[in-house]
Amino acid sequence: MKRITAVILLLFLAVKLNAQVEKWQTGVLVNEFLYDQASFPSCHSATLAETPTGLVASFFGGTKERNPDVEIYICRRVDGKWTAPYSVANGIQENGKRLPTWNPVLYQVPGGELLLFYKIGPKPSEWWGMMRTSADGGKTWSDARKLPDGFIGPVKNKPVLLSNGNLICPSSTEGNGWKLHFEVTPDFGKTWRKIGPINEAKVIGAIQPSILDHGNGKLQLLARSRNRALISAYSNDNGETWSPLEKTSLPNNNSGTDAVTLKDGRDVLVYNHVLPPGDLAKGPRTPLNVAISKDDKKWDAALILEDSPISQYSYPAVIQTKDGLLHFIYTWRRQKIKHVVVDPAKLKLKKIKDGKWPLMKGYTAPEVIMGKAEEQ
């Protein structure tokens, strides 16, 4: 009798779980945290790369953002499980002074090393760029190397390797208005040059761009802004020159986003589809949404990764692995890092009209509770 009861309970739980997935998460294959417990209480700004030996994730962790004890951590996926977070960089200076680290970005060179970009400094307007490399999929790392003065590498989102051989890093500054620029390296970090800034902050201020590659030298950027909307611009010469920044029809709550061009030519965007209340530029960082475009202008609703009323779910990153699957990684309430794997072939798309997220089966927008740590 006890065995029968246990089987019935398991079946009930399985049905309930499937119902939750069917509700508004069709296509999700894996939904997991990188770790259950860590030596640090707070974390943020995750990044992800596929290496020849498996997935590698990075993020910053410490007492809280801006605290001097914040370090850069790495987790590797080995035999279907994530390793415990281990520190690979800190902000301890030669004079003993300690500064916080920020916004790691991973990039796997095809047939080469794994690159780790990160920043050190008291705040975003005063930080500088650092770089380390790994020849064994993130197990061991080179000594830290400072980027040339004035360069910070990719500010939040991954670089893109262009058809002309240039690795273009989407970047931005905040010290004298929000400005976008690009840092280009033809030799994976040995030499650098800068393009931009490409905007006047007084007209449209934007930071933390991502790059979509539409082929034949045509690039598109999508960026965060204080203008209550995502910002876009285009280049037809591999990023050397750009069109003026324009507001898209998609709302932005002044929080980070990411995007990637798929092998089939479609574009995937992950962001908080949130229009801040009233005239505010900043809004809650929940829900966390995924949209897809076939023409780089019109976006369809594809998936809601998080919909809890408890903010925040933020600073996402997305990559497509060689098996065609999508991997998302993001901050979960500043307490943990979440990893979600999605089969793009199973996503059911609905049109986004007038910037409003469409109703999805079983989904009701929650009454949001603002988080206590809506900082960077």
Protein backbone atom coordinates (compact mmCIF):
# COMPACT_ATOMS: atom_id res chain seq x y z
CA MET A 1 0.00 0.00 0.00
CA LYS A 2 2.83 2.38 0.90
CA ARG A 3 4.53 1.61 -2.42
CA ILE A 4 1.34 2.35 -4.38
CA THR A 5 0.88 5.62 -2.49
CA ALA A 6 4.48 6.63 -3.25
CA VAL A 7 4.02 5.87 -6.96
CA ILE A 8 0.81 7.93 -7.07
CA LEU A 9 2.61 10.82 -5.34
CA LEU A 10 5.48 10.69 -7.85
CA LEU A 11 3.04 10.66 -10.76
CA PHE A 12 1.21 13.61 -9.25
CA LEU A 13 4.44 15.57 -8.86
CA ALA A 14 5.48 14.72 -12.43
CA VAL A 15 2.15 15.92 -13.82
CA LYS A 16 2.35 19.07 -11.74
CA LEU A 17 5.89 19.76 -12.95
CA ASN A 18 4.91 19.24 -16.59
CA ALA A 19 1.92 21.53 -16.12
CA GLN A 20 4.24 24.25 -14.82
CA VAL A 21 6.53 23.86 -17.83
CA GLU A 22 3.61 23.84 -20.28
CA LYS A 23 2.15 26.93 -18.66
CA TRP A 24 4.68 29.42 -20.01
CA GLN A 25 7.97 27.61 -20.38
CA THR A 26 7.59 25.38 -23.42
CA GLY A 27 11.02 24.49 -24.76
CA VAL A 28 12.88 24.54 -21.43
CA LEU A 29 15.06 21.44 -21.05
CA VAL A 30 17.19 22.34 -18.01
CA ASN A 31 16.44 24.80 -15.21
CA GLU A 32 19.13 24.84 -12.52
CA PHE A 33 21.32 26.87 -10.19
CA LEU A 34 25.08 26.82 -10.60
CA TYR A 35 25.46 26.15 -6.89
CA ASP A 36 23.36 25.67 -3.76
CA GLN A 37 25.68 27.40 -1.32
CA ALA A 38 28.74 29.63 -1.65
CA SER A 39 31.26 31.44 0.50
CA PHE A 40 29.79 34.80 -0.56
CA PRO A 41 26.24 36.07 0.10
CA SER A 42 25.69 38.09 -3.08
CA CYS A 43 26.43 37.59 -6.81
CA HIS A 44 25.70 39.27 -10.13
CA SER A 45 26.58 39.72 -13.81
CA ALA A 46 27.04 36.19 -15.16
CA THR A 47 28.61 35.15 -18.46
CA LEU A 48 28.85 31.82 -20.28
CA ALA A 49 31.04 30.18 -22.93
CA GLU A 50 31.24 26.77 -24.59
CA THR A 51 34.77 25.36 -24.56
CA PRO A 52 36.12 22.10 -26.06
CA THR A 53 35.88 20.59 -22.57
CA GLY A 54 32.41 21.88 -21.70
CA LEU A 55 30.54 24.95 -20.49
CA VAL A 56 32.28 27.56 -18.34
CA ALA A 57 30.43 30.25 -16.38
CA SER A 58 31.73 33.32 -14.57
CA PHE A 59 30.23 36.04 -12.36
CA PHE A 60 31.22 38.36 -9.53
CA GLY A 61 30.50 37.57 -5.89
CA GLY A 62 31.11 39.07 -2.46
CA THR A 63 29.40 40.86 0.39
CA LYS A 64 27.54 43.05 -2.08
CA GLU A 65 28.16 44.97 -5.31
CA ARG A 66 30.86 47.66 -4.94
CA ASN A 67 32.27 46.07 -1.78
CA PRO A 68 36.08 45.64 -1.93
CA ASP A 69 35.79 41.90 -1.27
CA VAL A 70 33.92 41.26 -4.55
CA GLU A 71 35.89 38.80 -6.70
CA ILE A 72 35.48 37.04 -10.06
CA TYR A 73 34.36 33.41 -9.78
CA ILE A 74 34.33 30.51 -12.22
CA CYS A 75 32.15 27.38 -12.41
CA ARG A 76 32.78 24.60 -14.94
CA ARG A 77 30.25 22.02 -16.05
CA VAL A 78 31.88 18.60 -15.68
CA ASP A 79 30.06 15.28 -16.18
CA GLY A 80 26.68 16.98 -16.13
CA LYS A 81 27.32 18.96 -12.94
CA TRP A 82 28.70 22.39 -12.11
CA THR A 83 31.87 22.62 -10.06
CA ALA A 84 31.80 24.72 -6.92
CA PRO A 85 32.60 28.41 -7.54
CA TYR A 86 36.29 29.26 -7.27
CA SER A 87 37.91 32.67 -7.41
CA VAL A 88 40.10 33.53 -10.41
CA ALA A 89 40.55 37.29 -9.91
CA ASN A 90 40.37 39.93 -7.21
CA GLY A 91 41.03 43.63 -6.89
CA ILE A 92 44.01 43.57 -4.52
CA GLN A 93 46.53 46.18 -5.66
CA GLU A 94 50.34 46.21 -5.27
CA ASN A 95 50.06 48.72 -2.42
CA GLY A 96 47.70 46.39 -0.56
CA LYS A 97 44.57 48.42 -1.26
CA ARG A 98 41.61 46.29 -2.26
CA LEU A 99 39.02 47.31 -4.87
CA PRO A 100 35.92 45.53 -6.15
CA THR A 101 35.88 43.58 -9.40
CA TRP A 102 33.05 43.80 -11.94
CA ASN A 103 31.28 42.32 -14.97
CA PRO A 104 33.29 39.34 -16.23
CA VAL A 105 32.85 38.38 -19.89
CA LEU A 106 33.97 35.03 -21.32
CA TYR A 107 34.89 34.34 -24.95
CA GLN A 108 36.18 31.08 -26.42
CA VAL A 109 38.57 31.65 -29.30
CA PRO A 110 37.79 29.09 -32.05
CA GLY A 111 40.56 26.48 -31.76
CA GLY A 112 42.31 28.62 -29.17
CA GLU A 113 42.21 29.92 -25.62
CA LEU A 114 39.33 30.88 -23.37
CA LEU A 115 39.43 34.63 -22.71
CA LEU A 116 38.19 36.23 -19.49
CA PHE A 117 37.64 39.98 -19.46
CA TYR A 118 36.75 41.82 -16.23
CA LYS A 119 37.06 45.20 -14.55
CA ILE A 120 38.63 46.57 -11.38
CA GLY A 121 37.76 49.89 -9.78
CA PRO A 122 35.71 51.64 -7.11
CA LYS A 123 32.78 52.28 -9.48
CA PRO A 124 31.87 51.95 -13.18
CA SER A 125 32.97 55.48 -14.04
CA GLU A 126 36.48 54.75 -12.70
CA TRP A 127 37.12 51.09 -13.48
CA TRP A 128 39.73 49.68 -15.88
CA GLY A 129 39.90 46.55 -17.99
CA MET A 130 41.72 43.32 -17.11
CA MET A 131 42.20 40.05 -18.96
CA ARG A 132 43.24 36.46 -18.23
CA THR A 133 43.40 33.42 -20.53
CA SER A 134 42.98 29.68 -20.09
CA ALA A 135 44.32 26.93 -22.35
CA ASP A 136 42.43 24.12 -20.60
CA GLY A 137 38.78 25.18 -20.51
CA GLY A 138 38.98 27.26 -17.34
CA LYS A 139 40.90 24.84 -15.09
CA THR A 140 43.98 27.04 -14.89
CA TRP A 141 44.54 30.66 -15.84
CA SER A 142 47.34 32.94 -16.95
CA ASP A 143 48.50 35.89 -14.91
CA ALA A 144 46.18 38.89 -15.00
CA ARG A 145 47.02 41.51 -17.61
CA LYS A 146 45.76 45.09 -17.67
CA LEU A 147 44.28 46.28 -20.95
CA PRO A 148 45.73 49.46 -22.50
CA ASP A 149 44.75 52.71 -20.80
CA GLY A 150 41.23 53.74 -21.79
CA PHE A 151 40.16 50.20 -22.71
CA ILE A 152 37.85 48.01 -20.63
CA GLY A 153 37.04 45.23 -23.12
CA PRO A 154 33.44 44.07 -23.49
CA VAL A 155 31.51 45.93 -20.78
CA LYS A 156 28.90 43.23 -20.13
CA ASN A 157 28.05 41.20 -23.23
CA LYS A 158 30.14 38.80 -25.29
CA PRO A 159 32.38 39.82 -28.19
CA VAL A 160 31.55 38.75 -31.75
CA LEU A 161 34.11 37.37 -34.21
CA LEU A 162 33.51 39.06 -37.56
CA SER A 163 34.06 37.60 -41.02
CA ASN A 164 37.05 39.95 -41.49
CA GLY A 165 38.83 38.35 -38.51
CA ASN A 166 38.25 41.18 -36.05
CA LEU A 167 36.92 40.40 -32.59
CA ILE A 168 34.58 43.29 -31.81
CA CYS A 169 33.78 43.96 -28.17
CA PRO A 170 30.58 45.91 -27.36
CA SER A 171 31.38 48.46 -24.67
CA SER A 172 30.27 51.69 -23.02
CA THR A 173 31.19 54.37 -20.47
CA GLU A 174 29.15 56.09 -17.76
CA GLY A 175 31.44 58.79 -16.38
CA ASN A 176 30.43 61.66 -18.67
CA GLY A 177 27.01 60.57 -19.84
CA TRP A 178 26.04 57.14 -21.14
CA LYS A 179 28.01 56.50 -24.32
CA LEU A 180 28.49 53.46 -26.55
CA HIS A 181 31.74 52.45 -28.20
CA PHE A 182 33.45 49.35 -29.57
CA GLU A 183 36.89 47.93 -28.82
CA VAL A 184 38.37 45.89 -31.67
CA THR A 185 41.21 43.39 -31.51
CA PRO A 186 42.47 41.50 -34.59
CA ASP A 187 44.62 39.14 -32.49
CA PHE A 188 42.39 38.17 -29.56
CA GLY A 189 43.59 40.71 -27.06
CA LYS A 190 47.18 41.47 -28.01
CA THR A 191 46.49 44.78 -29.78
CA TRP A 192 43.48 47.08 -29.60
CA ARG A 193 41.79 50.02 -31.24
CA LYS A 194 38.59 51.88 -30.42
CA ILE A 195 35.55 52.89 -32.48
CA GLY A 196 33.41 55.71 -31.10
CA PRO A 197 31.77 56.80 -28.94
CA ILE A 198 28.96 56.59 -31.47
CA ASN A 199 26.33 58.68 -29.66
CA GLU A 200 25.77 61.96 -27.89
CA ALA A 201 24.61 61.12 -24.39
CA LYS A 202 22.41 64.23 -24.24
CA VAL A 203 20.33 62.95 -27.17
CA ILE A 204 20.06 59.25 -26.30
CA GLY A 205 22.18 57.76 -23.55
CA ALA A 206 22.82 54.02 -23.68
CA ILE A 207 25.15 51.43 -22.20
CA GLN A 208 25.92 47.70 -22.28
CA PRO A 209 25.23 46.91 -25.95
CA SER A 210 25.05 43.47 -27.51
CA ILE A 211 25.88 42.76 -31.15
CA LEU A 212 23.83 40.86 -33.74
CA ASP A 213 25.62 39.76 -36.91
CA HIS A 214 23.32 39.79 -39.95
CA GLY A 215 26.04 38.85 -42.43
CA ASN A 216 27.86 40.67 -45.23
CA GLY A 217 29.22 43.26 -42.81
CA LYS A 218 25.79 44.24 -41.44
CA LEU A 219 25.70 44.49 -37.66
CA GLN A 220 23.02 45.61 -35.25
CA LEU A 221 23.36 46.73 -31.66
CA LEU A 222 20.75 46.50 -28.93
CA ALA A 223 21.45 48.46 -25.75
CA ARG A 224 20.11 49.40 -22.35
CA SER A 225 18.91 52.96 -21.81
CA ARG A 226 17.22 55.39 -19.46
CA ASN A 227 14.69 56.17 -22.19
CA ARG A 228 12.16 53.49 -21.15
CA ALA A 229 12.96 51.51 -24.32
CA LEU A 230 15.68 49.32 -25.78
CA ILE A 231 17.96 51.19 -28.17
CA SER A 232 19.10 49.99 -31.60
CA ALA A 233 21.53 51.07 -34.33
CA TYR A 234 23.01 49.51 -37.48
CA SER A 235 26.37 49.24 -39.21
CA ASN A 236 26.99 48.14 -42.80
CA ASP A 237 30.78 48.05 -42.58
CA ASN A 238 31.57 45.57 -39.79
CA GLY A 239 31.08 48.14 -37.06
CA GLU A 240 33.34 50.91 -38.34
CA THR A 241 30.45 53.40 -38.65
CA TRP A 242 26.95 53.34 -37.16
CA SER A 243 23.53 54.83 -37.81
CA PRO A 244 22.03 57.16 -35.17
CA LEU A 245 20.63 55.46 -32.10
CA GLU A 246 16.87 54.90 -32.17
CA LYS A 247 14.35 53.68 -29.62
CA THR A 248 12.78 50.30 -30.40
CA SER A 249 9.20 49.27 -29.62
CA LEU A 250 10.45 47.10 -26.75
CA PRO A 251 10.39 48.53 -23.21
CA ASN A 252 13.48 48.71 -21.03
CA ASN A 253 13.59 49.08 -17.26
CA ASN A 254 17.16 50.39 -17.21
CA SER A 255 18.59 46.92 -16.78
CA GLY A 256 21.04 44.77 -18.73
CA THR A 257 20.07 42.62 -21.71
CA ASP A 258 21.80 40.27 -24.13
CA ALA A 259 21.21 38.96 -27.63
CA VAL A 260 22.62 36.45 -30.12
CA THR A 261 22.19 35.63 -33.80
CA LEU A 262 21.30 31.97 -34.29
CA LYS A 263 22.75 29.64 -36.89
CA ASP A 264 19.43 29.80 -38.79
CA GLY A 265 19.66 33.60 -39.04
CA ARG A 266 17.05 34.47 -36.41
CA ASP A 267 17.92 36.72 -33.48
CA VAL A 268 17.27 35.96 -29.81
CA LEU A 269 16.94 38.67 -27.18
CA VAL A 270 16.76 38.15 -23.39
CA TYR A 271 15.61 41.10 -21.27
CA ASN A 272 13.12 42.32 -18.68
CA HIS A 273 10.01 43.21 -20.67
CA VAL A 274 9.09 45.92 -18.19
CA LEU A 275 7.82 49.44 -18.80
CA PRO A 276 8.71 51.46 -15.69
CA PRO A 277 5.71 52.98 -13.91
CA GLY A 278 4.73 56.57 -14.56
CA ASP A 279 7.56 58.58 -16.08
CA LEU A 280 10.31 56.71 -14.27
CA ALA A 281 13.36 55.48 -16.16
CA LYS A 282 13.89 52.51 -13.86
CA GLY A 283 11.54 49.63 -13.13
CA PRO A 284 11.50 46.23 -11.40
CA ARG A 285 13.72 43.50 -12.84
CA THR A 286 11.00 40.90 -13.23
CA PRO A 287 9.74 39.15 -15.30
CA LEU A 288 12.69 37.99 -17.41
CA ASN A 289 11.68 37.43 -21.03
CA VAL A 290 12.95 35.95 -24.29
CA ALA A 291 11.95 37.33 -27.69
CA ILE A 292 12.85 36.20 -31.23
CA SER A 293 13.06 38.16 -34.48
CA LYS A 294 13.21 36.99 -38.09
CA ASP A 295 13.88 40.41 -39.61
CA ASP A 296 15.82 42.24 -36.84
CA LYS A 297 12.96 44.74 -36.36
CA LYS A 298 9.79 42.91 -35.34
CA TRP A 299 10.02 40.78 -32.22
CA ASP A 300 7.84 37.86 -31.14
CA ALA A 301 7.33 36.69 -27.56
CA ALA A 302 8.99 33.30 -27.10
CA LEU A 303 9.45 32.50 -23.41
CA ILE A 304 9.26 33.80 -19.86
CA LEU A 305 12.27 32.58 -17.89
CA GLU A 306 11.12 34.03 -14.56
CA ASP A 307 7.84 35.58 -13.48
CA SER A 308 8.03 35.68 -9.69
CA PRO A 309 6.79 38.97 -8.20
CA ILE A 310 10.01 39.06 -6.16
CA SER A 311 12.55 41.14 -8.09
CA GLN A 312 15.25 40.69 -9.36
CA TYR A 313 16.12 38.42 -12.31
CA SER A 314 18.64 40.37 -14.27
CA TYR A 315 21.83 40.80 -16.26
CA PRO A 316 21.19 37.80 -18.52
CA ALA A 317 23.59 36.32 -21.06
CA VAL A 318 22.71 33.95 -23.91
CA ILE A 319 24.73 31.71 -26.24
CA GLN A 320 23.90 29.00 -28.77
CA THR A 321 26.01 25.88 -28.37
CA LYS A 322 27.22 23.66 -31.21
CA ASP A 323 24.25 21.30 -30.70
CA GLY A 324 21.87 24.16 -31.54
CA LEU A 325 20.51 24.62 -28.02
CA LEU A 326 20.20 27.98 -26.28
CA HIS A 327 21.83 28.53 -22.90
CA PHE A 328 20.74 31.40 -20.68
CA ILE A 329 22.48 32.48 -17.49
CA TYR A 330 21.39 35.28 -15.17
CA THR A 331 21.26 36.74 -11.66
CA TRP A 332 18.63 35.16 -9.43
CA ARG A 333 17.64 37.67 -6.71
CA ARG A 334 21.34 38.56 -6.21
CA GLN A 335 21.57 35.31 -4.24
CA LYS A 336 22.45 32.73 -6.91
CA ILE A 337 23.20 32.31 -10.60
CA LYS A 338 20.60 30.48 -12.72
CA HIS A 339 21.27 28.40 -15.87
CA VAL A 340 18.46 27.51 -18.28
CA VAL A 341 18.76 25.39 -21.44
CA VAL A 342 16.15 25.84 -24.18
CA ASP A 343 15.41 24.03 -27.43
CA PRO A 344 14.64 26.88 -29.87
CA ALA A 345 12.73 24.50 -32.16
CA LYS A 346 10.12 23.99 -29.43
CA LEU A 347 9.42 27.64 -28.70
CA LYS A 348 5.91 28.83 -29.50
CA LEU A 349 5.94 32.41 -30.71
CA LYS A 350 3.32 35.12 -30.23
CA LYS A 351 3.36 38.63 -31.64
CA ILE A 352 4.34 41.56 -29.45
CA LYS A 353 1.97 44.39 -30.36
CA ASP A 354 2.49 48.00 -29.27
CA GLY A 355 5.22 46.90 -26.90
CA LYS A 356 2.86 44.76 -24.81
CA TRP A 357 3.81 41.19 -23.92
CA PRO A 358 1.03 38.88 -25.17
CA LEU A 359 -0.99 36.67 -22.90
CA MET A 360 0.50 33.20 -22.72
CA LYS A 361 -1.27 30.02 -21.67
CA GLY A 362 -1.51 29.86 -17.90
CA TYR A 363 0.43 33.09 -17.36
CA THR A 364 -0.84 35.99 -15.27
CA ALA A 365 1.50 38.91 -14.68
CA PRO A 366 2.27 39.09 -10.94
CA GLU A 367 2.12 42.16 -8.74
CA VAL A 368 5.79 42.99 -8.48
CA ILE A 369 7.73 43.38 -5.25
CA MET A 370 10.76 45.58 -5.86
CA GLY A 371 14.12 44.14 -4.89
CA LYS A 372 16.47 45.75 -2.39
CA ALA A 373 19.51 45.57 -4.66
CA GLU A 374 18.58 47.26 -7.94
CA GLU A 375 22.03 48.77 -8.40
CA GLN A 376 24.22 48.45 -11.50
